[in-house]
């Protein structure tokens, strides 16, 4: 099973893909999202978004994000960031 992940900024859709897991820098602490995660909304702090493409423990791809919020629902994870590098 794969998690559908989207990263969006006010300017553009940065990513839309199937991944294994994403670790989000929430304002209350980092949290990991896998397929089937319970519905959740969280504000996010400036930090690194870590994207794991497979379950094999490979190194994560890191994207620096600033502000915004994350939503997990039955369709997957959407991160709406003020900025992504």
Protein backbone atom coordinates (compact mmCIF):
# COMPACT_ATOMS: atom_id res chain seq x y z
CA UNK A 1 0.00 0.00 0.00
CA UNK A 2 1.11 3.53 -0.73
CA UNK A 3 0.26 6.91 0.70
CA UNK A 4 -0.90 9.58 -1.75
CA UNK A 5 1.09 12.74 -0.90
CA UNK A 6 0.70 16.28 -2.19
CA UNK A 7 2.80 19.33 -1.34
CA UNK A 8 1.24 22.62 -2.37
CA UNK A 9 2.37 26.26 -2.05
CA UNK A 10 0.39 29.38 -3.02
CA UNK A 11 2.35 29.45 -6.29
CA UNK A 12 2.15 25.84 -7.45
CA UNK A 13 1.70 22.13 -6.86
CA UNK A 14 5.21 21.05 -5.82
CA UNK A 15 4.61 17.28 -5.51
CA UNK A 16 1.85 14.78 -6.14
CA UNK A 17 2.99 11.17 -5.78
CA UNK A 18 2.62 7.82 -4.07
CA UNK A 19 5.12 7.31 -1.23
CA UNK A 20 5.65 4.99 1.74
CA UNK A 21 5.80 7.59 4.53
CA UNK A 22 6.14 11.32 5.15
CA UNK A 23 7.43 12.92 8.36
CA UNK A 24 5.89 16.37 8.88
CA UNK A 25 7.28 19.11 11.19
CA UNK A 26 4.11 19.82 13.19
CA UNK A 27 3.93 22.68 15.67
CA UNK A 28 3.45 20.12 18.48
CA UNK A 29 6.30 17.95 17.19
CA UNK A 30 7.22 15.87 14.16
CA UNK A 31 4.74 13.20 13.10
CA UNK A 32 4.92 10.40 10.54
CA UNK A 33 2.08 9.57 8.17
CA UNK A 34 1.59 6.14 6.57
CA UNK A 35 -1.27 4.81 4.43
CA UNK A 36 -4.37 4.33 6.59
CA UNK A 37 -3.45 7.06 9.12
CA UNK A 38 -6.36 8.42 11.14
CA UNK A 39 -7.80 11.74 9.89
CA UNK A 40 -5.82 14.68 11.26
CA UNK A 41 -5.25 18.39 10.76
CA UNK A 42 -2.17 20.14 12.12
CA UNK A 43 -0.39 23.42 11.74
CA UNK A 44 3.23 23.07 10.69
CA UNK A 45 6.35 24.90 11.74
CA UNK A 46 9.34 25.82 9.62
CA UNK A 47 11.40 22.67 9.16
CA UNK A 48 12.23 19.69 6.99
CA UNK A 49 9.62 17.49 5.40
CA UNK A 50 11.05 13.97 5.06
CA UNK A 51 9.73 11.79 2.23
CA UNK A 52 10.37 8.04 2.28
CA UNK A 53 9.63 6.51 -1.12
CA UNK A 54 9.89 2.86 0.02
CA UNK A 55 9.68 0.84 3.22
CA UNK A 56 13.23 -0.48 2.86
CA UNK A 57 14.76 2.09 5.18
CA UNK A 58 16.31 4.09 2.36
CA UNK A 59 17.43 7.64 3.06
CA UNK A 60 14.66 10.20 3.05
CA UNK A 61 14.36 13.00 0.53
CA UNK A 62 14.20 16.28 2.44
CA UNK A 63 12.31 19.41 1.43
CA UNK A 64 12.55 22.57 3.52
CA UNK A 65 9.11 24.07 4.19
CA UNK A 66 7.88 27.17 5.97
CA UNK A 67 4.57 27.54 7.76
CA UNK A 68 1.15 26.27 6.74
CA UNK A 69 -0.82 23.18 7.68
CA UNK A 70 -1.18 19.49 6.96
CA UNK A 71 -4.32 17.44 6.44
CA UNK A 72 -4.61 13.66 6.51
CA UNK A 73 -7.86 12.17 5.19
CA UNK A 74 -9.06 9.08 3.34
CA UNK A 75 -7.38 10.34 0.14
CA UNK A 76 -3.93 10.73 1.76
CA UNK A 77 -1.73 13.58 3.04
CA UNK A 78 -1.84 17.15 1.77
CA UNK A 79 0.69 19.69 3.03
CA UNK A 80 -0.19 23.31 2.30
CA UNK A 81 3.02 25.21 2.95
CA UNK A 82 3.64 28.93 2.70
CA UNK A 83 6.95 28.11 1.05
CA UNK A 84 8.88 25.04 -0.10
CA UNK A 85 12.50 24.85 -1.29
